[in-house]
Every structure is written in C-alpha cells, then in structure tokens.
C-alpha cells in the first residue's frame, strides 16, 4: 500500500491529524507466535494462494500438520473498529525453520499476505527463525530464492549451491527442476549475540511479540 503524504497548513490540520491517529489505532496488531497443528489449514491456504507469485513449492496439508511446530506465524490479533465491529484473529504470514542437518537449517515457505506487506512482518519472522536456529544449536541458516535481495539486506550472503550440500541431498536431487531452478543460495552464519541483538532491536521498534 502506498502512503500519500498531505501537507496542510490550514485550520483543519488538527482535526485531520486526530482522524489519522484514530484510523491507525483501529488497525489490528500483528504478533508472532509458534504455530500449532490446528493452524495447518490456514497455513495450507496461505501458501497455496501465493504459490505462483512467490514461486513457492506446494505443501500438503498432512505435512503441515506434522511439521506445524517448525513454523512461526504472524497473526493479526483481535481489534475493534471505529464502528465497534470486531476483527477476527487470522494468520497473515508464516515461515518454517526446516532442519537440513545438525548444523544447517533452512528458511522455507516464507509468505506474507498482500494486505500485511510493508509492515516489516517478513523481517520479523526471519529474525525470529534466526534466534530459534541459534538457540537450537544450528551454525548456519540458509534460504533459496529467485530474488535474494530481501535476504541479502538481512545479512545473508550469496553462495554457490554446492556450499549447501545438505539442501542438494535433502531436496534438490528429487526436484524436477534440479540444475534448472533459477534460485539463488543464501547463507547466514549464525552468531548468538548479533542475532539476538538484532531481534531485540526489532521488538523495541515495533512492540512486543511472542517468543517462538
């Protein structure tokens, strides 16, 4: 969503500013939490609806039920609109921390619903997964993407695919697009202090979120 800035030096300035604050306060707060098995249908629907746009691999409902605990989800919490209507809680983003080996984990199925973009949701989810990965003892966090810019801005480095043999053995050799997928391999070397410091700064800027 594009924000249009209007400068008003006239008498109506105060009223308009107040109205803007009122509209902002009615937006549901987005928090992060660990997913549970009951979230699997919502995860499946979210991923399926963005397959073509995000060039994601399809996920089955059964595997999402089994691996739900690997996911962090972004949830638009309950809120009340200016007219008193209640907005129901719903999942607007998700990302999975998928283990590839005892040393390496992958960010997989990273999706943010169109209505929740440009709010930093994807950044927060990747940072939460980095904190979790370091806490669980992984040395590296990797991702594979057609457009790696988002991850590079988060401190990931572009590397040859052969630098992530765990991914090749785990998924790539069985993929019909093997050697012709067009994806870039990106790696983040995990350092506990820097990862947690980055996540804490983000929480301070956007407000508290649930630990995952």
N, C-alpha and C. Protein backbone atom coordinates (compact mmCIF):
# COMPACT_ATOMS: atom_id res chain seq x y z
N UNK A 1 0.85 -1.19 0.00
CA UNK A 1 0.00 0.00 0.00
C UNK A 1 0.88 1.24 0.00
N UNK A 2 0.58 2.18 -0.89
CA UNK A 2 1.35 3.42 -0.98
C UNK A 2 0.75 4.47 -0.07
N UNK A 3 1.60 5.08 0.75
CA UNK A 3 1.13 6.12 1.66
C UNK A 3 1.26 7.47 0.98
N UNK A 4 0.18 8.24 0.96
CA UNK A 4 0.19 9.57 0.38
C UNK A 4 0.27 10.60 1.49
N UNK A 5 1.29 11.46 1.43
CA UNK A 5 1.50 12.47 2.46
C UNK A 5 0.89 13.78 2.00
N UNK A 6 0.04 14.37 2.83
CA UNK A 6 -0.61 15.64 2.52
C UNK A 6 -0.19 16.68 3.54
N UNK A 7 0.35 17.79 3.09
CA UNK A 7 0.74 18.88 3.98
C UNK A 7 -0.41 19.88 4.02
N UNK A 8 -0.86 20.16 5.24
CA UNK A 8 -2.00 21.07 5.42
C UNK A 8 -1.63 22.12 6.47
N UNK A 9 -1.54 23.35 6.04
CA UNK A 9 -1.20 24.43 6.97
C UNK A 9 -2.43 25.22 7.39
N UNK A 10 -3.62 24.76 7.03
CA UNK A 10 -4.84 25.49 7.33
C UNK A 10 -5.47 25.10 8.64
N UNK A 11 -6.67 25.63 8.93
CA UNK A 11 -7.36 25.41 10.21
C UNK A 11 -7.70 23.95 10.46
N UNK A 12 -7.86 23.20 9.38
CA UNK A 12 -8.30 21.81 9.56
C UNK A 12 -7.20 20.86 9.91
N UNK A 13 -5.99 21.33 10.11
CA UNK A 13 -4.84 20.46 10.33
C UNK A 13 -5.00 19.58 11.56
N UNK A 14 -5.41 20.18 12.67
CA UNK A 14 -5.53 19.45 13.92
C UNK A 14 -6.57 18.35 13.82
N UNK A 15 -7.71 18.67 13.19
CA UNK A 15 -8.78 17.69 13.06
C UNK A 15 -8.34 16.51 12.20
N UNK A 16 -7.65 16.79 11.11
CA UNK A 16 -7.22 15.74 10.23
C UNK A 16 -6.17 14.85 10.88
N UNK A 17 -5.28 15.45 11.63
CA UNK A 17 -4.27 14.66 12.34
C UNK A 17 -4.93 13.72 13.33
N UNK A 18 -5.94 14.22 14.05
CA UNK A 18 -6.66 13.40 15.02
C UNK A 18 -7.35 12.25 14.33
N UNK A 19 -7.96 12.53 13.16
CA UNK A 19 -8.64 11.48 12.41
C UNK A 19 -7.66 10.41 11.97
N UNK A 20 -6.45 10.84 11.54
CA UNK A 20 -5.43 9.89 11.11
C UNK A 20 -5.01 8.97 12.25
N UNK A 21 -4.84 9.55 13.46
CA UNK A 21 -4.47 8.72 14.61
C UNK A 21 -5.57 7.73 14.93
N UNK A 22 -6.83 8.15 14.78
CA UNK A 22 -7.95 7.27 15.07
C UNK A 22 -7.98 6.08 14.14
N UNK A 23 -7.74 6.33 12.83
CA UNK A 23 -7.74 5.25 11.86
C UNK A 23 -6.60 4.28 12.14
N UNK A 24 -5.43 4.84 12.51
CA UNK A 24 -4.27 4.00 12.79
C UNK A 24 -4.52 3.10 13.99
N UNK A 25 -5.23 3.61 14.99
CA UNK A 25 -5.45 2.84 16.22
C UNK A 25 -6.40 1.69 16.01
N UNK A 26 -7.18 1.71 14.89
CA UNK A 26 -8.13 0.63 14.65
C UNK A 26 -7.49 -0.54 13.91
N UNK A 27 -6.25 -0.40 13.44
CA UNK A 27 -5.60 -1.48 12.75
C UNK A 27 -5.24 -2.59 13.74
N UNK A 28 -5.49 -3.86 13.35
CA UNK A 28 -5.16 -4.95 14.26
C UNK A 28 -3.65 -5.07 14.45
N UNK A 29 -3.23 -5.36 15.67
CA UNK A 29 -1.82 -5.56 15.96
C UNK A 29 -1.38 -6.90 15.42
N UNK A 30 -0.21 -6.94 14.81
CA UNK A 30 0.32 -8.19 14.27
C UNK A 30 1.40 -8.69 15.21
N UNK A 31 1.20 -9.89 15.74
CA UNK A 31 2.16 -10.50 16.66
C UNK A 31 2.64 -11.82 16.08
N UNK A 32 3.78 -12.27 16.56
CA UNK A 32 4.34 -13.55 16.14
C UNK A 32 4.16 -14.59 17.23
N UNK A 33 3.93 -15.81 16.81
CA UNK A 33 3.85 -16.92 17.76
C UNK A 33 4.24 -18.20 17.03
N UNK A 34 4.51 -19.25 17.81
CA UNK A 34 4.77 -20.56 17.22
C UNK A 34 3.46 -21.14 16.71
N UNK A 35 3.53 -21.80 15.56
CA UNK A 35 2.33 -22.43 15.00
C UNK A 35 2.03 -23.73 15.74
N UNK A 36 0.78 -24.14 15.68
CA UNK A 36 0.33 -25.42 16.23
C UNK A 36 -0.38 -26.19 15.13
N UNK A 37 -0.63 -27.47 15.39
CA UNK A 37 -1.24 -28.32 14.36
C UNK A 37 -2.57 -27.77 13.86
N UNK A 38 -3.32 -27.14 14.74
CA UNK A 38 -4.62 -26.59 14.35
C UNK A 38 -4.49 -25.46 13.33
N UNK A 39 -3.28 -24.89 13.20
CA UNK A 39 -3.06 -23.82 12.22
C UNK A 39 -2.83 -24.37 10.81
N UNK A 40 -2.66 -25.68 10.67
CA UNK A 40 -2.27 -26.26 9.38
C UNK A 40 -3.20 -25.86 8.23
N UNK A 41 -4.53 -25.90 8.38
CA UNK A 41 -5.39 -25.49 7.26
C UNK A 41 -5.16 -24.05 6.83
N UNK A 42 -4.95 -23.15 7.79
CA UNK A 42 -4.69 -21.75 7.45
C UNK A 42 -3.32 -21.60 6.77
N UNK A 43 -2.32 -22.34 7.23
CA UNK A 43 -1.02 -22.32 6.59
C UNK A 43 -1.11 -22.83 5.16
N UNK A 44 -1.84 -23.92 4.99
CA UNK A 44 -2.00 -24.52 3.66
C UNK A 44 -2.67 -23.54 2.71
N UNK A 45 -3.70 -22.87 3.17
CA UNK A 45 -4.43 -21.91 2.33
C UNK A 45 -3.54 -20.71 1.99
N UNK A 46 -2.77 -20.22 2.96
CA UNK A 46 -1.90 -19.07 2.74
C UNK A 46 -0.82 -19.39 1.72
N UNK A 47 -0.17 -20.54 1.88
CA UNK A 47 0.89 -20.93 0.95
C UNK A 47 0.32 -21.18 -0.44
N UNK A 48 -0.80 -21.90 -0.52
CA UNK A 48 -1.41 -22.23 -1.81
C UNK A 48 -1.82 -20.99 -2.59
N UNK A 49 -2.27 -19.97 -1.88
CA UNK A 49 -2.75 -18.75 -2.55
C UNK A 49 -1.62 -17.88 -3.08
N UNK A 50 -0.37 -18.20 -2.70
CA UNK A 50 0.77 -17.39 -3.15
C UNK A 50 1.81 -18.22 -3.89
N UNK A 51 1.44 -19.41 -4.34
CA UNK A 51 2.40 -20.29 -5.00
C UNK A 51 3.03 -19.65 -6.23
N UNK A 52 2.17 -19.16 -7.13
CA UNK A 52 2.68 -18.60 -8.38
C UNK A 52 3.44 -17.30 -8.15
N UNK A 53 2.89 -16.43 -7.33
CA UNK A 53 3.50 -15.14 -7.08
C UNK A 53 4.87 -15.29 -6.43
N UNK A 54 4.97 -16.15 -5.42
CA UNK A 54 6.22 -16.30 -4.69
C UNK A 54 7.10 -17.41 -5.18
N UNK A 55 6.66 -18.13 -6.23
CA UNK A 55 7.41 -19.27 -6.77
C UNK A 55 7.72 -20.26 -5.66
N UNK A 56 6.72 -20.50 -4.83
CA UNK A 56 6.90 -21.41 -3.70
C UNK A 56 6.66 -22.85 -4.13
N UNK A 57 7.25 -23.77 -3.39
CA UNK A 57 6.95 -25.17 -3.59
C UNK A 57 5.63 -25.49 -2.88
N UNK A 58 4.75 -26.27 -3.50
CA UNK A 58 3.49 -26.61 -2.83
C UNK A 58 3.74 -27.46 -1.60
N UNK A 59 2.87 -27.32 -0.61
CA UNK A 59 2.94 -28.11 0.62
C UNK A 59 1.63 -28.84 0.80
N UNK A 60 1.69 -30.07 1.26
CA UNK A 60 0.46 -30.82 1.52
C UNK A 60 -0.05 -30.50 2.91
N UNK A 61 -1.34 -30.66 3.10
CA UNK A 61 -1.93 -30.40 4.41
C UNK A 61 -1.36 -31.36 5.45
N UNK A 62 -1.15 -32.61 5.07
CA UNK A 62 -0.64 -33.61 6.02
C UNK A 62 0.74 -33.23 6.54
N UNK A 63 1.64 -32.78 5.64
CA UNK A 63 2.98 -32.44 6.12
C UNK A 63 2.96 -31.18 6.97
N UNK A 64 2.03 -30.26 6.70
CA UNK A 64 1.93 -29.07 7.52
C UNK A 64 1.41 -29.39 8.92
N UNK A 65 0.52 -30.37 9.02
CA UNK A 65 0.06 -30.83 10.34
C UNK A 65 1.24 -31.41 11.12
N UNK A 66 2.04 -32.24 10.45
CA UNK A 66 3.16 -32.91 11.10
C UNK A 66 4.23 -31.90 11.52
N UNK A 67 4.51 -30.92 10.66
CA UNK A 67 5.63 -30.00 10.90
C UNK A 67 5.18 -28.62 11.35
N UNK A 68 3.98 -28.48 11.82
CA UNK A 68 3.47 -27.16 12.23
C UNK A 68 4.37 -26.49 13.26
N UNK A 69 4.94 -27.25 14.17
CA UNK A 69 5.75 -26.66 15.23
C UNK A 69 7.02 -26.00 14.71
N UNK A 70 7.39 -26.29 13.48
CA UNK A 70 8.57 -25.65 12.89
C UNK A 70 8.28 -24.21 12.44
N UNK A 71 7.01 -23.89 12.32
CA UNK A 71 6.62 -22.60 11.75
C UNK A 71 6.50 -21.51 12.80
N UNK A 72 6.85 -20.30 12.39
CA UNK A 72 6.44 -19.10 13.11
C UNK A 72 5.33 -18.48 12.26
N UNK A 73 4.28 -17.99 12.91
CA UNK A 73 3.19 -17.36 12.19
C UNK A 73 3.01 -15.93 12.67
N UNK A 74 2.62 -15.08 11.74
CA UNK A 74 2.26 -13.70 12.05
C UNK A 74 0.75 -13.63 12.11
N UNK A 75 0.23 -13.18 13.24
CA UNK A 75 -1.21 -13.20 13.47
C UNK A 75 -1.73 -11.79 13.68
N UNK A 76 -2.75 -11.44 12.90
CA UNK A 76 -3.45 -10.17 13.11
C UNK A 76 -4.42 -10.40 14.26
N UNK A 77 -4.16 -9.77 15.40
CA UNK A 77 -4.94 -10.03 16.61
C UNK A 77 -6.30 -9.37 16.58
N UNK A 78 -7.09 -9.70 17.59
CA UNK A 78 -8.42 -9.12 17.73
C UNK A 78 -8.34 -7.62 17.92
N UNK A 79 -9.22 -6.90 17.27
CA UNK A 79 -9.27 -5.46 17.43
C UNK A 79 -10.70 -4.98 17.19
N UNK A 80 -10.97 -3.74 17.56
CA UNK A 80 -12.30 -3.17 17.38
C UNK A 80 -12.22 -1.97 16.46
N UNK A 81 -13.05 -1.93 15.45
CA UNK A 81 -13.05 -0.84 14.50
C UNK A 81 -13.76 0.37 15.10
N UNK A 82 -13.73 1.48 14.37
CA UNK A 82 -14.35 2.71 14.85
C UNK A 82 -15.86 2.54 15.06
N UNK A 83 -16.46 1.60 14.35
CA UNK A 83 -17.90 1.38 14.48
C UNK A 83 -18.24 0.26 15.48
N UNK A 84 -17.21 -0.22 16.17
CA UNK A 84 -17.47 -1.22 17.19
C UNK A 84 -17.44 -2.66 16.72
N UNK A 85 -17.13 -2.89 15.44
CA UNK A 85 -17.08 -4.26 14.92
C UNK A 85 -15.76 -4.92 15.34
N UNK A 86 -15.80 -6.22 15.56
CA UNK A 86 -14.61 -6.97 15.97
C UNK A 86 -13.98 -7.65 14.77
N UNK A 87 -12.67 -7.48 14.63
CA UNK A 87 -11.93 -8.14 13.57
C UNK A 87 -11.36 -9.44 14.12
N UNK A 88 -11.71 -10.57 13.49
CA UNK A 88 -11.28 -11.86 13.99
C UNK A 88 -9.78 -12.07 13.79
N UNK A 89 -9.17 -12.85 14.69
CA UNK A 89 -7.77 -13.21 14.55
C UNK A 89 -7.58 -14.07 13.31
N UNK A 90 -6.53 -13.77 12.53
CA UNK A 90 -6.22 -14.62 11.39
C UNK A 90 -4.73 -14.54 11.08
N UNK A 91 -4.21 -15.60 10.46
CA UNK A 91 -2.79 -15.69 10.12
C UNK A 91 -2.53 -14.92 8.83
N UNK A 92 -1.57 -13.99 8.89
CA UNK A 92 -1.26 -13.17 7.72
C UNK A 92 0.15 -13.44 7.20
N UNK A 93 0.89 -14.30 7.87
CA UNK A 93 2.24 -14.62 7.41
C UNK A 93 2.75 -15.88 8.07
N UNK A 94 3.70 -16.54 7.42
CA UNK A 94 4.28 -17.74 8.02
C UNK A 94 5.68 -17.97 7.44
N UNK A 95 6.47 -18.73 8.16
CA UNK A 95 7.81 -19.13 7.72
C UNK A 95 8.22 -20.35 8.53
N UNK A 96 8.91 -21.26 7.88
CA UNK A 96 9.31 -22.52 8.53
C UNK A 96 10.82 -22.56 8.74
N UNK A 97 11.24 -23.08 9.89
CA UNK A 97 12.63 -23.40 10.14
C UNK A 97 12.78 -24.90 9.91
N UNK A 98 13.28 -25.26 8.72
CA UNK A 98 13.36 -26.66 8.33
C UNK A 98 14.78 -27.19 8.52
N UNK A 99 14.98 -28.23 9.33
CA UNK A 99 16.33 -28.76 9.54
C UNK A 99 16.82 -29.52 8.31
N UNK A 100 18.05 -29.24 7.91
CA UNK A 100 18.68 -29.98 6.81
C UNK A 100 19.77 -30.92 7.32
N UNK A 101 20.38 -30.55 8.44
CA UNK A 101 21.41 -31.36 9.09
C UNK A 101 21.55 -30.84 10.51
N UNK A 102 22.36 -31.48 11.34
CA UNK A 102 22.57 -30.94 12.69
C UNK A 102 23.20 -29.55 12.70
N UNK A 103 23.81 -29.13 11.58
CA UNK A 103 24.49 -27.84 11.51
C UNK A 103 23.71 -26.78 10.75
N UNK A 104 22.83 -27.20 9.84
CA UNK A 104 22.21 -26.26 8.91
C UNK A 104 20.69 -26.37 8.94
N UNK A 105 20.02 -25.22 9.00
CA UNK A 105 18.56 -25.16 8.89
C UNK A 105 18.21 -24.19 7.77
N UNK A 106 17.00 -24.36 7.22
CA UNK A 106 16.57 -23.56 6.07
C UNK A 106 15.32 -22.76 6.39
N UNK A 107 15.27 -21.51 5.92
CA UNK A 107 14.03 -20.74 5.95
C UNK A 107 13.21 -21.19 4.74
N UNK A 108 12.04 -21.74 5.02
CA UNK A 108 11.21 -22.29 3.94
C UNK A 108 9.78 -21.78 4.06
N UNK A 109 9.09 -21.70 2.93
CA UNK A 109 7.68 -21.29 2.88
C UNK A 109 7.45 -19.95 3.58
N UNK A 110 8.30 -18.97 3.24
CA UNK A 110 8.15 -17.62 3.78
C UNK A 110 7.10 -16.89 2.96
N UNK A 111 5.99 -16.56 3.61
CA UNK A 111 4.86 -15.91 2.92
C UNK A 111 4.27 -14.83 3.81
N UNK A 112 3.96 -13.68 3.21
CA UNK A 112 3.22 -12.63 3.89
C UNK A 112 2.04 -12.26 3.02
N UNK A 113 0.86 -12.27 3.59
CA UNK A 113 -0.34 -11.93 2.85
C UNK A 113 -0.25 -10.51 2.29
N UNK A 114 -0.83 -10.29 1.13
CA UNK A 114 -0.72 -8.99 0.46
C UNK A 114 -1.17 -7.84 1.34
N UNK A 115 -2.19 -8.04 2.14
CA UNK A 115 -2.73 -6.96 2.97
C UNK A 115 -1.81 -6.59 4.13
N UNK A 116 -0.82 -7.44 4.44
CA UNK A 116 0.05 -7.18 5.59
C UNK A 116 1.47 -6.83 5.18
N UNK A 117 1.69 -6.56 3.91
CA UNK A 117 3.04 -6.25 3.46
C UNK A 117 3.43 -4.82 3.78
N UNK A 118 4.74 -4.56 3.72
CA UNK A 118 5.32 -3.25 4.02
C UNK A 118 5.14 -2.87 5.50
N UNK A 119 4.91 -3.87 6.33
CA UNK A 119 4.80 -3.63 7.77
C UNK A 119 5.95 -4.29 8.53
N UNK A 120 6.90 -4.84 7.80
CA UNK A 120 8.06 -5.48 8.44
C UNK A 120 7.78 -6.88 8.94
N UNK A 121 6.67 -7.50 8.52
CA UNK A 121 6.31 -8.82 9.02
C UNK A 121 7.32 -9.87 8.59
N UNK A 122 7.72 -9.86 7.32
CA UNK A 122 8.68 -10.84 6.84
C UNK A 122 10.02 -10.72 7.56
N UNK A 123 10.47 -9.49 7.80
CA UNK A 123 11.73 -9.27 8.51
C UNK A 123 11.64 -9.86 9.92
N UNK A 124 10.56 -9.58 10.60
CA UNK A 124 10.40 -10.08 11.97
C UNK A 124 10.40 -11.60 12.01
N UNK A 125 9.73 -12.25 11.05
CA UNK A 125 9.68 -13.71 11.05
C UNK A 125 11.06 -14.31 10.80
N UNK A 126 11.82 -13.75 9.86
CA UNK A 126 13.16 -14.27 9.59
C UNK A 126 14.06 -14.07 10.81
N UNK A 127 13.94 -12.94 11.47
CA UNK A 127 14.75 -12.70 12.68
C UNK A 127 14.37 -13.67 13.80
N UNK A 128 13.10 -13.96 13.95
CA UNK A 128 12.68 -14.93 14.97
C UNK A 128 13.22 -16.32 14.65
N UNK A 129 13.21 -16.69 13.36
CA UNK A 129 13.75 -18.00 12.99
C UNK A 129 15.26 -18.05 13.21
N UNK A 130 15.95 -16.94 12.98
CA UNK A 130 17.39 -16.91 13.24
C UNK A 130 17.69 -17.11 14.72
N UNK A 131 16.91 -16.46 15.57
CA UNK A 131 17.08 -16.63 17.02
C UNK A 131 16.80 -18.07 17.42
N UNK A 132 15.73 -18.64 16.88
CA UNK A 132 15.40 -20.03 17.21
C UNK A 132 16.48 -20.97 16.71
N UNK A 133 16.98 -20.74 15.48
CA UNK A 133 18.01 -21.63 14.92
C UNK A 133 19.26 -21.63 15.79
N UNK A 134 19.67 -20.45 16.23
CA UNK A 134 20.87 -20.37 17.08
C UNK A 134 20.61 -21.04 18.42
N UNK A 135 19.41 -20.84 18.95
CA UNK A 135 19.07 -21.44 20.24
C UNK A 135 19.07 -22.97 20.15
N UNK A 136 18.69 -23.50 18.97
CA UNK A 136 18.63 -24.95 18.80
C UNK A 136 19.96 -25.54 18.35
N UNK A 137 20.98 -24.69 18.25
CA UNK A 137 22.32 -25.19 18.01
C UNK A 137 22.78 -25.23 16.57
N UNK A 138 22.04 -24.62 15.65
CA UNK A 138 22.47 -24.59 14.26
C UNK A 138 23.57 -23.55 14.07
N UNK A 139 24.50 -23.85 13.17
CA UNK A 139 25.60 -22.93 12.89
C UNK A 139 25.29 -22.01 11.72
N UNK A 140 24.43 -22.46 10.81
CA UNK A 140 24.11 -21.68 9.63
C UNK A 140 22.62 -21.76 9.32
N UNK A 141 22.11 -20.65 8.79
CA UNK A 141 20.73 -20.58 8.33
C UNK A 141 20.78 -20.27 6.85
N UNK A 142 20.08 -21.06 6.06
CA UNK A 142 20.13 -20.84 4.61
C UNK A 142 18.74 -20.59 4.06
N UNK A 143 18.70 -20.10 2.84
CA UNK A 143 17.44 -19.90 2.13
C UNK A 143 17.73 -20.03 0.65
N UNK A 144 16.69 -20.32 -0.14
CA UNK A 144 16.82 -20.41 -1.59
C UNK A 144 15.70 -19.59 -2.19
N UNK A 145 16.06 -18.61 -3.02
CA UNK A 145 15.07 -17.67 -3.52
C UNK A 145 15.43 -17.21 -4.92
N UNK A 146 14.38 -16.90 -5.70
CA UNK A 146 14.60 -16.34 -7.04
C UNK A 146 15.05 -14.88 -6.95
N UNK A 147 14.60 -14.19 -5.93
CA UNK A 147 15.00 -12.80 -5.70
C UNK A 147 15.64 -12.72 -4.31
N UNK A 148 16.96 -12.76 -4.23
CA UNK A 148 17.64 -12.86 -2.93
C UNK A 148 17.80 -11.54 -2.20
N UNK A 149 17.37 -10.42 -2.80
CA UNK A 149 17.66 -9.11 -2.22
C UNK A 149 17.14 -8.98 -0.80
N UNK A 150 15.94 -9.50 -0.53
CA UNK A 150 15.37 -9.41 0.82
C UNK A 150 16.31 -10.02 1.84
N UNK A 151 16.85 -11.20 1.53
CA UNK A 151 17.72 -11.89 2.47
C UNK A 151 19.08 -11.21 2.58
N UNK A 152 19.61 -10.72 1.47
CA UNK A 152 20.91 -10.04 1.50
C UNK A 152 20.84 -8.83 2.41
N UNK A 153 19.71 -8.12 2.38
CA UNK A 153 19.55 -6.96 3.27
C UNK A 153 19.48 -7.38 4.73
N UNK A 154 19.17 -8.63 5.00
CA UNK A 154 19.12 -9.13 6.36
C UNK A 154 20.45 -9.71 6.81
N UNK A 155 21.50 -9.60 6.01
CA UNK A 155 22.81 -10.09 6.41
C UNK A 155 23.21 -11.42 5.81
N UNK A 156 22.35 -12.03 4.98
CA UNK A 156 22.69 -13.28 4.30
C UNK A 156 23.70 -12.99 3.18
N UNK A 157 24.46 -14.02 2.79
CA UNK A 157 25.44 -13.89 1.70
C UNK A 157 25.10 -14.88 0.59
N UNK A 158 25.23 -14.42 -0.65
CA UNK A 158 25.05 -15.31 -1.80
C UNK A 158 26.22 -16.28 -1.88
N UNK A 159 25.90 -17.56 -2.09
CA UNK A 159 26.95 -18.58 -2.17
C UNK A 159 26.59 -19.56 -3.29
N UNK A 160 27.57 -20.30 -3.80
CA UNK A 160 27.26 -21.36 -4.76
C UNK A 160 26.38 -22.43 -4.11
N UNK A 161 25.53 -23.05 -4.90
CA UNK A 161 24.67 -24.10 -4.35
C UNK A 161 25.48 -25.22 -3.70
N UNK A 162 26.66 -25.47 -4.24
CA UNK A 162 27.48 -26.57 -3.70
C UNK A 162 27.95 -26.31 -2.28
N UNK A 163 27.80 -25.06 -1.81
CA UNK A 163 28.15 -24.75 -0.41
C UNK A 163 27.07 -25.23 0.56
N UNK A 164 25.94 -25.67 0.02
CA UNK A 164 24.86 -26.19 0.87
C UNK A 164 24.52 -27.61 0.40
N UNK A 165 25.46 -28.54 0.54
CA UNK A 165 25.21 -29.91 0.06
C UNK A 165 24.04 -30.58 0.77
N UNK A 166 23.75 -30.11 2.00
CA UNK A 166 22.61 -30.69 2.74
C UNK A 166 21.30 -30.46 1.99
N UNK A 167 21.15 -29.28 1.40
CA UNK A 167 19.94 -28.96 0.65
C UNK A 167 19.86 -29.80 -0.62
N UNK A 168 20.99 -29.94 -1.30
CA UNK A 168 21.01 -30.72 -2.54
C UNK A 168 20.60 -32.17 -2.26
N UNK A 169 21.17 -32.74 -1.19
CA UNK A 169 20.85 -34.13 -0.87
C UNK A 169 19.43 -34.29 -0.36
N UNK A 170 18.94 -33.28 0.39
CA UNK A 170 17.64 -33.39 1.04
C UNK A 170 16.48 -33.16 0.07
N UNK A 171 16.63 -32.18 -0.83
CA UNK A 171 15.50 -31.78 -1.68
C UNK A 171 15.81 -31.72 -3.17
N UNK A 172 16.97 -31.18 -3.51
CA UNK A 172 17.22 -30.81 -4.90
C UNK A 172 17.27 -31.99 -5.87
N UNK A 173 17.92 -33.08 -5.47
CA UNK A 173 18.09 -34.19 -6.40
C UNK A 173 16.77 -34.83 -6.80
N UNK A 174 15.75 -34.68 -5.96
CA UNK A 174 14.44 -35.25 -6.28
C UNK A 174 13.51 -34.24 -6.95
N UNK A 175 13.98 -33.00 -7.13
CA UNK A 175 13.15 -31.95 -7.71
C UNK A 175 13.20 -32.01 -9.23
N UNK A 176 12.05 -31.87 -9.92
CA UNK A 176 12.06 -31.90 -11.39
C UNK A 176 12.81 -30.73 -12.01
N UNK A 177 13.06 -29.67 -11.23
CA UNK A 177 13.79 -28.51 -11.74
C UNK A 177 15.26 -28.51 -11.33
N UNK A 178 15.74 -29.65 -10.85
CA UNK A 178 17.13 -29.76 -10.40
C UNK A 178 18.07 -29.32 -11.52
N UNK A 179 19.03 -28.45 -11.18
CA UNK A 179 20.01 -27.85 -12.07
C UNK A 179 19.41 -26.80 -13.01
N UNK A 180 18.11 -26.54 -12.89
CA UNK A 180 17.48 -25.54 -13.76
C UNK A 180 16.41 -24.76 -13.01
N UNK A 181 16.60 -24.56 -11.70
CA UNK A 181 15.54 -23.95 -10.89
C UNK A 181 15.59 -22.43 -10.88
N UNK A 182 16.75 -21.83 -11.16
CA UNK A 182 16.86 -20.39 -11.17
C UNK A 182 16.92 -19.75 -9.80
N UNK A 183 17.02 -20.55 -8.75
CA UNK A 183 17.09 -20.00 -7.40
C UNK A 183 18.53 -19.70 -7.00
N UNK A 184 18.66 -18.72 -6.10
CA UNK A 184 19.96 -18.39 -5.52
C UNK A 184 20.06 -19.02 -4.14
N UNK A 185 21.25 -19.46 -3.79
CA UNK A 185 21.50 -19.98 -2.45
C UNK A 185 22.04 -18.83 -1.59
N UNK A 186 21.49 -18.69 -0.38
CA UNK A 186 21.88 -17.62 0.53
C UNK A 186 22.12 -18.22 1.90
N UNK A 187 23.19 -17.78 2.56
CA UNK A 187 23.54 -18.34 3.87
C UNK A 187 23.77 -17.21 4.88
N UNK A 188 23.31 -17.43 6.10
CA UNK A 188 23.60 -16.55 7.22
C UNK A 188 24.38 -17.34 8.25
N UNK A 189 25.61 -16.92 8.52
CA UNK A 189 26.40 -17.53 9.58
C UNK A 189 25.86 -17.02 10.91
N UNK A 190 25.44 -17.92 11.77
CA UNK A 190 24.76 -17.52 12.99
C UNK A 190 25.75 -17.20 14.11
N UNK A 191 25.53 -16.07 14.72
CA UNK A 191 26.29 -15.65 15.89
C UNK A 191 25.26 -15.25 16.94
N UNK A 192 25.27 -15.92 18.06
CA UNK A 192 24.21 -15.73 19.05
C UNK A 192 24.01 -14.28 19.46
N UNK A 193 25.09 -13.59 19.75
CA UNK A 193 24.97 -12.21 20.24
C UNK A 193 24.35 -11.30 19.19
N UNK A 194 24.84 -11.37 17.93
CA UNK A 194 24.35 -10.46 16.91
C UNK A 194 22.92 -10.79 16.51
N UNK A 195 22.57 -12.08 16.45
CA UNK A 195 21.21 -12.47 16.07
C UNK A 195 20.21 -11.98 17.11
N UNK A 196 20.50 -12.22 18.39
CA UNK A 196 19.55 -11.81 19.42
C UNK A 196 19.49 -10.30 19.57
N UNK A 197 20.63 -9.62 19.37
CA UNK A 197 20.63 -8.16 19.44
C UNK A 197 19.75 -7.57 18.34
N UNK A 198 19.83 -8.12 17.14
CA UNK A 198 19.02 -7.65 16.02
C UNK A 198 17.54 -7.86 16.30
N UNK A 199 17.18 -9.03 16.82
CA UNK A 199 15.78 -9.31 17.11
C UNK A 199 15.26 -8.42 18.23
N UNK A 200 16.08 -8.16 19.25
CA UNK A 200 15.64 -7.30 20.35
C UNK A 200 15.42 -5.87 19.88
N UNK A 201 16.27 -5.39 18.98
CA UNK A 201 16.09 -4.05 18.44
C UNK A 201 14.80 -3.96 17.66
N UNK A 202 14.49 -5.02 16.90
CA UNK A 202 13.26 -5.02 16.12
C UNK A 202 12.05 -5.01 17.04
N UNK A 203 12.09 -5.81 18.11
CA UNK A 203 10.95 -5.85 19.03
C UNK A 203 10.74 -4.49 19.69
N UNK A 204 11.84 -3.81 20.02
CA UNK A 204 11.73 -2.49 20.64
C UNK A 204 11.08 -1.49 19.69
N UNK A 205 11.37 -1.62 18.40
CA UNK A 205 10.85 -0.68 17.41
C UNK A 205 9.38 -0.90 17.10
N UNK A 206 8.94 -2.19 17.08
CA UNK A 206 7.58 -2.48 16.63
C UNK A 206 6.66 -2.95 17.76
N UNK A 207 7.20 -3.10 18.96
CA UNK A 207 6.37 -3.59 20.06
C UNK A 207 6.63 -5.05 20.32
N UNK A 208 6.10 -5.57 21.43
CA UNK A 208 6.40 -6.94 21.84
C UNK A 208 5.77 -7.96 20.91
N UNK A 209 6.44 -9.09 20.76
CA UNK A 209 5.89 -10.21 20.01
C UNK A 209 6.15 -11.46 20.80
N UNK A 210 5.36 -12.50 20.53
CA UNK A 210 5.51 -13.73 21.26
C UNK A 210 6.81 -14.42 20.88
N UNK A 211 7.50 -15.01 21.84
CA UNK A 211 8.71 -15.76 21.56
C UNK A 211 8.33 -17.08 20.90
N UNK A 212 9.18 -17.53 19.97
CA UNK A 212 8.90 -18.79 19.28
C UNK A 212 10.08 -19.73 19.47
